[in-house]
Amino acid sequence: LPPHLSYSLKFSASPTIIYSIYMPVVTIETWKGKSVEQKAQLMEGIKKAFVDIGVDPTGLTIIIHDIPRYNWAKSGEQVSSEE
């Protein structure tokens, strides 16, 4: 994945729908401000990672949540107070 992108990955699966065609689901929580091109590059990298381990990308769902820095804290401290 591109090193210049700040992101965290959270893999989730519904315990009641094990064989859904919409699995796996990758949720990315990242600071707001990434360009459409950066997001496309990130999604392509995630898709490639799944293909590389033998997962058919047909059911792969990728969701990106843009979070403003003022809604993000590290060590309990707000990252930024600017909107």
PDB file of N, CA and C in Angstrom:
ATOM      1  N   LEU A   1       0.845  -1.177   0.000  1.00  0.00           N
ATOM      2  CA  LEU A   1       0.000   0.000   0.000  1.00  0.00           C
ATOM      3  C   LEU A   1       0.887   1.236   0.000  1.00  0.00           C
ATOM      4  N   PRO A   2       0.429   2.322  -0.563  1.00  0.00           N
ATOM      5  CA  PRO A   2       1.247   3.523  -0.652  1.00  0.00           C
ATOM      6  C   PRO A   2       1.648   4.036   0.729  1.00  0.00           C
ATOM      7  N   PRO A   3       2.950   4.276   0.943  1.00  0.00           N
ATOM      8  CA  PRO A   3       3.402   4.707   2.267  1.00  0.00           C
ATOM      9  C   PRO A   3       2.979   6.117   2.642  1.00  0.00           C
ATOM     10  N   HIS A   4       2.599   6.951   1.671  1.00  0.00           N
ATOM     11  CA  HIS A   4       2.246   8.339   1.974  1.00  0.00           C
ATOM     12  C   HIS A   4       0.799   8.513   2.438  1.00  0.00           C
ATOM     13  N   LEU A   5       0.050   7.425   2.508  1.00  0.00           N
ATOM     14  CA  LEU A   5      -1.326   7.505   2.966  1.00  0.00           C
ATOM     15  C   LEU A   5      -1.396   7.110   4.432  1.00  0.00           C
ATOM     16  N   SER A   6      -2.097   7.884   5.218  1.00  0.00           N
ATOM     17  CA  SER A   6      -2.316   7.559   6.625  1.00  0.00           C
ATOM     18  C   SER A   6      -3.649   6.842   6.727  1.00  0.00           C
ATOM     19  N   TYR A   7      -3.649   5.649   7.276  1.00  0.00           N
ATOM     20  CA  TYR A   7      -4.878   4.893   7.332  1.00  0.00           C
ATOM     21  C   TYR A   7      -4.815   3.850   8.436  1.00  0.00           C
ATOM     22  N   SER A   8      -5.942   3.397   8.828  1.00  0.00           N
ATOM     23  CA  SER A   8      -6.034   2.224   9.691  1.00  0.00           C
ATOM     24  C   SER A   8      -7.032   1.297   9.039  1.00  0.00           C
ATOM     25  N   LEU A   9      -6.813   0.016   9.170  1.00  0.00           N
ATOM     26  CA  LEU A   9      -7.703  -0.959   8.564  1.00  0.00           C
ATOM     27  C   LEU A   9      -8.438  -1.711   9.652  1.00  0.00           C
ATOM     28  N   LYS A  10      -9.701  -1.936   9.429  1.00  0.00           N
ATOM     29  CA  LYS A  10     -10.500  -2.714  10.358  1.00  0.00           C
ATOM     30  C   LYS A  10     -11.275  -3.721   9.522  1.00  0.00           C
ATOM     31  N   PHE A  11     -10.995  -4.987   9.705  1.00  0.00           N
ATOM     32  CA  PHE A  11     -11.684  -6.029   8.966  1.00  0.00           C
ATOM     33  C   PHE A  11     -12.902  -6.455   9.768  1.00  0.00           C
ATOM     34  N   SER A  12     -14.025  -6.563   9.102  1.00  0.00           N
ATOM     35  CA  SER A  12     -15.228  -6.947   9.816  1.00  0.00           C
ATOM     36  C   SER A  12     -15.999  -7.987   9.022  1.00  0.00           C
ATOM     37  N   ALA A  13     -16.712  -8.820   9.732  1.00  0.00           N
ATOM     38  CA  ALA A  13     -17.559  -9.815   9.090  1.00  0.00           C
ATOM     39  C   ALA A  13     -18.778 -10.030   9.965  1.00  0.00           C
ATOM     40  N   SER A  14     -19.898 -10.222   9.334  1.00  0.00           N
ATOM     41  CA  SER A  14     -21.128 -10.472  10.074  1.00  0.00           C
ATOM     42  C   SER A  14     -21.134 -11.922  10.548  1.00  0.00           C
ATOM     43  N   PRO A  15     -21.337 -12.164  11.842  1.00  0.00           N
ATOM     44  CA  PRO A  15     -21.326 -13.546  12.328  1.00  0.00           C
ATOM     45  C   PRO A  15     -22.528 -14.360  11.861  1.00  0.00           C
ATOM     46  N   THR A  16     -23.584 -13.708  11.382  1.00  0.00           N
ATOM     47  CA  THR A  16     -24.771 -14.437  10.969  1.00  0.00           C
ATOM     48  C   THR A  16     -24.802 -14.720   9.476  1.00  0.00           C
ATOM     49  N   ILE A  17     -24.024 -14.015   8.706  1.00  0.00           N
ATOM     50  CA  ILE A  17     -24.000 -14.229   7.251  1.00  0.00           C
ATOM     51  C   ILE A  17     -22.570 -14.596   6.871  1.00  0.00           C
ATOM     52  N   ILE A  18     -22.226 -15.848   7.035  1.00  0.00           N
ATOM     53  CA  ILE A  18     -20.849 -16.284   6.833  1.00  0.00           C
ATOM     54  C   ILE A  18     -20.510 -16.403   5.347  1.00  0.00           C
ATOM     55  N   TYR A  19     -21.464 -16.815   4.528  1.00  0.00           N
ATOM     56  CA  TYR A  19     -21.184 -17.062   3.122  1.00  0.00           C
ATOM     57  C   TYR A  19     -21.761 -15.995   2.201  1.00  0.00           C
ATOM     58  N   SER A  20     -21.764 -14.766   2.643  1.00  0.00           N
ATOM     59  CA  SER A  20     -22.289 -13.661   1.841  1.00  0.00           C
ATOM     60  C   SER A  20     -21.366 -13.381   0.663  1.00  0.00           C
ATOM     61  N   ILE A  21     -21.940 -12.942  -0.454  1.00  0.00           N
ATOM     62  CA  ILE A  21     -21.106 -12.546  -1.591  1.00  0.00           C
ATOM     63  C   ILE A  21     -20.446 -11.199  -1.332  1.00  0.00           C
ATOM     64  N   TYR A  22     -20.801 -10.540  -0.226  1.00  0.00           N
ATOM     65  CA  TYR A  22     -20.241  -9.241   0.092  1.00  0.00           C
ATOM     66  C   TYR A  22     -19.135  -9.339   1.131  1.00  0.00           C
ATOM     67  N   MET A  23     -18.411 -10.414   1.142  1.00  0.00           N
ATOM     68  CA  MET A  23     -17.321 -10.602   2.083  1.00  0.00           C
ATOM     69  C   MET A  23     -16.046 -10.789   1.294  1.00  0.00           C
ATOM     70  N   PRO A  24     -14.947 -10.363   1.746  1.00  0.00           N
ATOM     71  CA  PRO A  24     -14.736  -9.633   2.996  1.00  0.00           C
ATOM     72  C   PRO A  24     -15.073  -8.148   2.852  1.00  0.00           C
ATOM     73  N   VAL A  25     -15.245  -7.500   4.008  1.00  0.00           N
ATOM     74  CA  VAL A  25     -15.476  -6.060   4.052  1.00  0.00           C
ATOM     75  C   VAL A  25     -14.260  -5.428   4.714  1.00  0.00           C
ATOM     76  N   VAL A  26     -13.655  -4.454   4.040  1.00  0.00           N
ATOM     77  CA  VAL A  26     -12.523  -3.711   4.586  1.00  0.00           C
ATOM     78  C   VAL A  26     -12.997  -2.285   4.840  1.00  0.00           C
ATOM     79  N   THR A  27     -12.892  -1.848   6.084  1.00  0.00           N
ATOM     80  CA  THR A  27     -13.265  -0.489   6.447  1.00  0.00           C
ATOM     81  C   THR A  27     -11.991   0.293   6.737  1.00  0.00           C
ATOM     82  N   ILE A  28     -11.850   1.425   6.080  1.00  0.00           N
ATOM     83  CA  ILE A  28     -10.669   2.269   6.251  1.00  0.00           C
ATOM     84  C   ILE A  28     -11.094   3.566   6.911  1.00  0.00           C
ATOM     85  N   GLU A  29     -10.482   3.868   8.032  1.00  0.00           N
ATOM     86  CA  GLU A  29     -10.729   5.135   8.710  1.00  0.00           C
ATOM     87  C   GLU A  29      -9.472   5.970   8.525  1.00  0.00           C
ATOM     88  N   THR A  30      -9.629   7.106   7.877  1.00  0.00           N
ATOM     89  CA  THR A  30      -8.483   7.934   7.532  1.00  0.00           C
ATOM     90  C   THR A  30      -8.813   9.402   7.724  1.00  0.00           C
ATOM     91  N   TRP A  31      -7.794  10.205   7.867  1.00  0.00           N
ATOM     92  CA  TRP A  31      -8.021  11.640   7.990  1.00  0.00           C
ATOM     93  C   TRP A  31      -8.574  12.196   6.695  1.00  0.00           C
ATOM     94  N   LYS A  32      -9.490  13.102   6.824  1.00  0.00           N
ATOM     95  CA  LYS A  32     -10.097  13.777   5.678  1.00  0.00           C
ATOM     96  C   LYS A  32      -9.008  14.511   4.895  1.00  0.00           C
ATOM     97  N   GLY A  33      -9.160  14.558   3.589  1.00  0.00           N
ATOM     98  CA  GLY A  33      -8.222  15.314   2.767  1.00  0.00           C
ATOM     99  C   GLY A  33      -7.521  14.505   1.696  1.00  0.00           C
ATOM    100  N   LYS A  34      -7.732  13.190   1.675  1.00  0.00           N
ATOM    101  CA  LYS A  34      -7.123  12.379   0.620  1.00  0.00           C
ATOM    102  C   LYS A  34      -7.846  12.650  -0.693  1.00  0.00           C
ATOM    103  N   SER A  35      -7.089  12.671  -1.770  1.00  0.00           N
ATOM    104  CA  SER A  35      -7.688  12.902  -3.083  1.00  0.00           C
ATOM    105  C   SER A  35      -8.390  11.632  -3.567  1.00  0.00           C
ATOM    106  N   VAL A  36      -9.237  11.800  -4.558  1.00  0.00           N
ATOM    107  CA  VAL A  36      -9.916  10.659  -5.174  1.00  0.00           C
ATOM    108  C   VAL A  36      -8.880   9.690  -5.730  1.00  0.00           C
ATOM    109  N   GLU A  37      -7.802  10.219  -6.302  1.00  0.00           N
ATOM    110  CA  GLU A  37      -6.747   9.377  -6.871  1.00  0.00           C
ATOM    111  C   GLU A  37      -6.041   8.576  -5.778  1.00  0.00           C
ATOM    112  N   GLN A  38      -5.765   9.201  -4.633  1.00  0.00           N
ATOM    113  CA  GLN A  38      -5.122   8.487  -3.522  1.00  0.00           C
ATOM    114  C   GLN A  38      -6.019   7.364  -3.006  1.00  0.00           C
ATOM    115  N   LYS A  39      -7.305   7.652  -2.898  1.00  0.00           N
ATOM    116  CA  LYS A  39      -8.241   6.631  -2.432  1.00  0.00           C
ATOM    117  C   LYS A  39      -8.324   5.478  -3.434  1.00  0.00           C
ATOM    118  N   ALA A  40      -8.344   5.790  -4.709  1.00  0.00           N
ATOM    119  CA  ALA A  40      -8.388   4.748  -5.737  1.00  0.00           C
ATOM    120  C   ALA A  40      -7.129   3.882  -5.664  1.00  0.00           C
ATOM    121  N   GLN A  41      -5.979   4.513  -5.444  1.00  0.00           N
ATOM    122  CA  GLN A  41      -4.716   3.789  -5.324  1.00  0.00           C
ATOM    123  C   GLN A  41      -4.738   2.874  -4.095  1.00  0.00           C
ATOM    124  N   LEU A  42      -5.256   3.364  -2.992  1.00  0.00           N
ATOM    125  CA  LEU A  42      -5.369   2.569  -1.779  1.00  0.00           C
ATOM    126  C   LEU A  42      -6.296   1.377  -1.997  1.00  0.00           C
ATOM    127  N   MET A  43      -7.458   1.614  -2.612  1.00  0.00           N
ATOM    128  CA  MET A  43      -8.408   0.528  -2.869  1.00  0.00           C
ATOM    129  C   MET A  43      -7.804  -0.526  -3.800  1.00  0.00           C
ATOM    130  N   GLU A  44      -7.073  -0.079  -4.796  1.00  0.00           N
ATOM    131  CA  GLU A  44      -6.429  -1.020  -5.718  1.00  0.00           C
ATOM    132  C   GLU A  44      -5.376  -1.852  -4.983  1.00  0.00           C
ATOM    133  N   GLY A  45      -4.627  -1.223  -4.072  1.00  0.00           N
ATOM    134  CA  GLY A  45      -3.629  -1.945  -3.286  1.00  0.00           C
ATOM    135  C   GLY A  45      -4.262  -2.996  -2.383  1.00  0.00           C
ATOM    136  N   ILE A  46      -5.389  -2.658  -1.785  1.00  0.00           N
ATOM    137  CA  ILE A  46      -6.099  -3.611  -0.935  1.00  0.00           C
ATOM    138  C   ILE A  46      -6.619  -4.771  -1.770  1.00  0.00           C
ATOM    139  N   LYS A  47      -7.195  -4.459  -2.918  1.00  0.00           N
ATOM    140  CA  LYS A  47      -7.685  -5.505  -3.820  1.00  0.00           C
ATOM    141  C   LYS A  47      -6.542  -6.442  -4.214  1.00  0.00           C
ATOM    142  N   LYS A  48      -5.407  -5.873  -4.562  1.00  0.00           N
ATOM    143  CA  LYS A  48      -4.239  -6.676  -4.963  1.00  0.00           C
ATOM    144  C   LYS A  48      -3.791  -7.582  -3.819  1.00  0.00           C
ATOM    145  N   ALA A  49      -3.786  -7.048  -2.592  1.00  0.00           N
ATOM    146  CA  ALA A  49      -3.372  -7.852  -1.435  1.00  0.00           C
ATOM    147  C   ALA A  49      -4.276  -9.066  -1.265  1.00  0.00           C
ATOM    148  N   PHE A  50      -5.576  -8.901  -1.466  1.00  0.00           N
ATOM    149  CA  PHE A  50      -6.496 -10.025  -1.343  1.00  0.00           C
ATOM    150  C   PHE A  50      -6.309 -11.009  -2.488  1.00  0.00           C
ATOM    151  N   VAL A  51      -6.130 -10.503  -3.696  1.00  0.00           N
ATOM    152  CA  VAL A  51      -5.903 -11.379  -4.848  1.00  0.00           C
ATOM    153  C   VAL A  51      -4.618 -12.180  -4.633  1.00  0.00           C
ATOM    154  N   ASP A  52      -3.575 -11.531  -4.103  1.00  0.00           N
ATOM    155  CA  ASP A  52      -2.288 -12.194  -3.873  1.00  0.00           C
ATOM    156  C   ASP A  52      -2.395 -13.371  -2.899  1.00  0.00           C
ATOM    157  N   ILE A  53      -3.370 -13.336  -1.996  1.00  0.00           N
ATOM    158  CA  ILE A  53      -3.528 -14.456  -1.067  1.00  0.00           C
ATOM    159  C   ILE A  53      -4.647 -15.411  -1.506  1.00  0.00           C
ATOM    160  N   GLY A  54      -5.118 -15.232  -2.736  1.00  0.00           N
ATOM    161  CA  GLY A  54      -6.063 -16.173  -3.311  1.00  0.00           C
ATOM    162  C   GLY A  54      -7.532 -15.874  -3.085  1.00  0.00           C
ATOM    163  N   VAL A  55      -7.856 -14.651  -2.664  1.00  0.00           N
ATOM    164  CA  VAL A  55      -9.258 -14.283  -2.445  1.00  0.00           C
ATOM    165  C   VAL A  55      -9.820 -13.673  -3.725  1.00  0.00           C
ATOM    166  N   ASP A  56     -10.946 -14.204  -4.178  1.00  0.00           N
ATOM    167  CA  ASP A  56     -11.629 -13.657  -5.353  1.00  0.00           C
ATOM    168  C   ASP A  56     -12.172 -12.272  -4.987  1.00  0.00           C
ATOM    169  N   PRO A  57     -11.780 -11.215  -5.718  1.00  0.00           N
ATOM    170  CA  PRO A  57     -12.209  -9.863  -5.365  1.00  0.00           C
ATOM    171  C   PRO A  57     -13.669  -9.556  -5.681  1.00  0.00           C
ATOM    172  N   THR A  58     -14.395 -10.494  -6.277  1.00  0.00           N
ATOM    173  CA  THR A  58     -15.785 -10.253  -6.646  1.00  0.00           C
ATOM    174  C   THR A  58     -16.625  -9.811  -5.458  1.00  0.00           C
ATOM    175  N   GLY A  59     -16.423 -10.404  -4.297  1.00  0.00           N
ATOM    176  CA  GLY A  59     -17.214 -10.067  -3.121  1.00  0.00           C
ATOM    177  C   GLY A  59     -16.569  -9.050  -2.205  1.00  0.00           C
ATOM    178  N   LEU A  60     -15.403  -8.540  -2.582  1.00  0.00           N
ATOM    179  CA  LEU A  60     -14.680  -7.581  -1.748  1.00  0.00           C
ATOM    180  C   LEU A  60     -15.393  -6.235  -1.714  1.00  0.00           C
ATOM    181  N   THR A  61     -15.658  -5.757  -0.509  1.00  0.00           N
ATOM    182  CA  THR A  61     -16.242  -4.433  -0.326  1.00  0.00           C
ATOM    183  C   THR A  61     -15.249  -3.594   0.458  1.00  0.00           C
ATOM    184  N   ILE A  62     -14.974  -2.394  -0.028  1.00  0.00           N
ATOM    185  CA  ILE A  62     -14.056  -1.471   0.636  1.00  0.00           C
ATOM    186  C   ILE A  62     -14.826  -0.193   0.941  1.00  0.00           C
ATOM    187  N   ILE A  63     -14.783   0.215   2.204  1.00  0.00           N
ATOM    188  CA  ILE A  63     -15.489   1.418   2.636  1.00  0.00           C
ATOM    189  C   ILE A  63     -14.454   2.362   3.253  1.00  0.00           C
ATOM    190  N   ILE A  64     -14.439   3.610   2.782  1.00  0.00           N
ATOM    191  CA  ILE A  64     -13.523   4.608   3.324  1.00  0.00           C
ATOM    192  C   ILE A  64     -14.322   5.645   4.101  1.00  0.00           C
ATOM    193  N   HIS A  65     -13.942   5.834   5.354  1.00  0.00           N
ATOM    194  CA  HIS A  65     -14.541   6.863   6.200  1.00  0.00           C
ATOM    195  C   HIS A  65     -13.533   7.993   6.342  1.00  0.00           C
ATOM    196  N   ASP A  66     -13.869   9.175   5.839  1.00  0.00           N
ATOM    197  CA  ASP A  66     -13.026  10.359   6.001  1.00  0.00           C
ATOM    198  C   ASP A  66     -13.362  11.009   7.334  1.00  0.00           C
ATOM    199  N   ILE A  67     -12.375  11.123   8.193  1.00  0.00           N
ATOM    200  CA  ILE A  67     -12.600  11.681   9.520  1.00  0.00           C
ATOM    201  C   ILE A  67     -11.792  12.972   9.656  1.00  0.00           C
ATOM    202  N   PRO A  68     -12.455  14.078   9.959  1.00  0.00           N
ATOM    203  CA  PRO A  68     -11.717  15.323  10.168  1.00  0.00           C
ATOM    204  C   PRO A  68     -10.739  15.163  11.340  1.00  0.00           C
ATOM    205  N   ARG A  69      -9.582  15.806  11.242  1.00  0.00           N
ATOM    206  CA  ARG A  69      -8.568  15.678  12.289  1.00  0.00           C
ATOM    207  C   ARG A  69      -9.073  16.137  13.646  1.00  0.00           C
ATOM    208  N   TYR A  70     -10.032  17.085  13.669  1.00  0.00           N
ATOM    209  CA  TYR A  70     -10.549  17.553  14.950  1.00  0.00           C
ATOM    210  C   TYR A  70     -11.446  16.510  15.616  1.00  0.00           C
ATOM    211  N   ASN A  71     -11.821  15.456  14.875  1.00  0.00           N
ATOM    212  CA  ASN A  71     -12.594  14.351  15.440  1.00  0.00           C
ATOM    213  C   ASN A  71     -11.703  13.151  15.759  1.00  0.00           C
ATOM    214  N   TRP A  72     -10.389  13.360  15.799  1.00  0.00           N
ATOM    215  CA  TRP A  72      -9.436  12.276  15.996  1.00  0.00           C
ATOM    216  C   TRP A  72      -8.520  12.659  17.148  1.00  0.00           C
ATOM    217  N   ALA A  73      -8.257  11.720  18.042  1.00  0.00           N
ATOM    218  CA  ALA A  73      -7.348  11.981  19.151  1.00  0.00           C
ATOM    219  C   ALA A  73      -6.327  10.845  19.239  1.00  0.00           C
ATOM    220  N   LYS A  74      -5.102  11.207  19.597  1.00  0.00           N
ATOM    221  CA  LYS A  74      -4.041  10.236  19.868  1.00  0.00           C
ATOM    222  C   LYS A  74      -3.612  10.455  21.301  1.00  0.00           C
ATOM    223  N   SER A  75      -3.492   9.381  22.040  1.00  0.00           N
ATOM    224  CA  SER A  75      -3.131   9.446  23.468  1.00  0.00           C
ATOM    225  C   SER A  75      -4.089  10.364  24.232  1.00  0.00           C
ATOM    226  N   GLY A  76      -5.340  10.417  23.770  1.00  0.00           N
ATOM    227  CA  GLY A  76      -6.351  11.226  24.434  1.00  0.00           C
ATOM    228  C   GLY A  76      -6.297  12.704  24.105  1.00  0.00           C
ATOM    229  N   GLU A  77      -5.401  13.089  23.189  1.00  0.00           N
ATOM    230  CA  GLU A  77      -5.252  14.495  22.813  1.00  0.00           C
ATOM    231  C   GLU A  77      -5.761  14.706  21.395  1.00  0.00           C
ATOM    232  N   GLN A  78      -6.592  15.730  21.220  1.00  0.00           N
ATOM    233  CA  GLN A  78      -7.127  16.061  19.911  1.00  0.00           C
ATOM    234  C   GLN A  78      -5.982  16.370  18.953  1.00  0.00           C
ATOM    235  N   VAL A  79      -6.025  15.773  17.765  1.00  0.00           N
ATOM    236  CA  VAL A  79      -4.949  15.939  16.776  1.00  0.00           C
ATOM    237  C   VAL A  79      -4.906  17.361  16.254  1.00  0.00           C
ATOM    238  N   SER A  80      -6.062  17.956  16.014  1.00  0.00           N
ATOM    239  CA  SER A  80      -6.133  19.317  15.502  1.00  0.00           C
ATOM    240  C   SER A  80      -7.445  19.946  15.953  1.00  0.00           C
ATOM    241  N   SER A  81      -7.406  21.243  16.177  1.00  0.00           N
ATOM    242  CA  SER A  81      -8.641  21.948  16.535  1.00  0.00           C
ATOM    243  C   SER A  81      -9.189  22.718  15.332  1.00  0.00           C
ATOM    244  N   GLU A  82      -8.478  22.653  14.218  1.00  0.00           N
ATOM    245  CA  GLU A  82      -8.919  23.364  13.007  1.00  0.00           C
ATOM    246  C   GLU A  82      -9.927  22.531  12.238  1.00  0.00           C
ATOM    247  N   GLU A  83     -10.917  23.209  11.651  1.00  0.00           N
ATOM    248  CA  GLU A  83     -11.922  22.509  10.838  1.00  0.00           C
ATOM    249  C   GLU A  83     -11.435  22.321   9.430  1.00  0.00           C
TER     250      GLU A  83
END
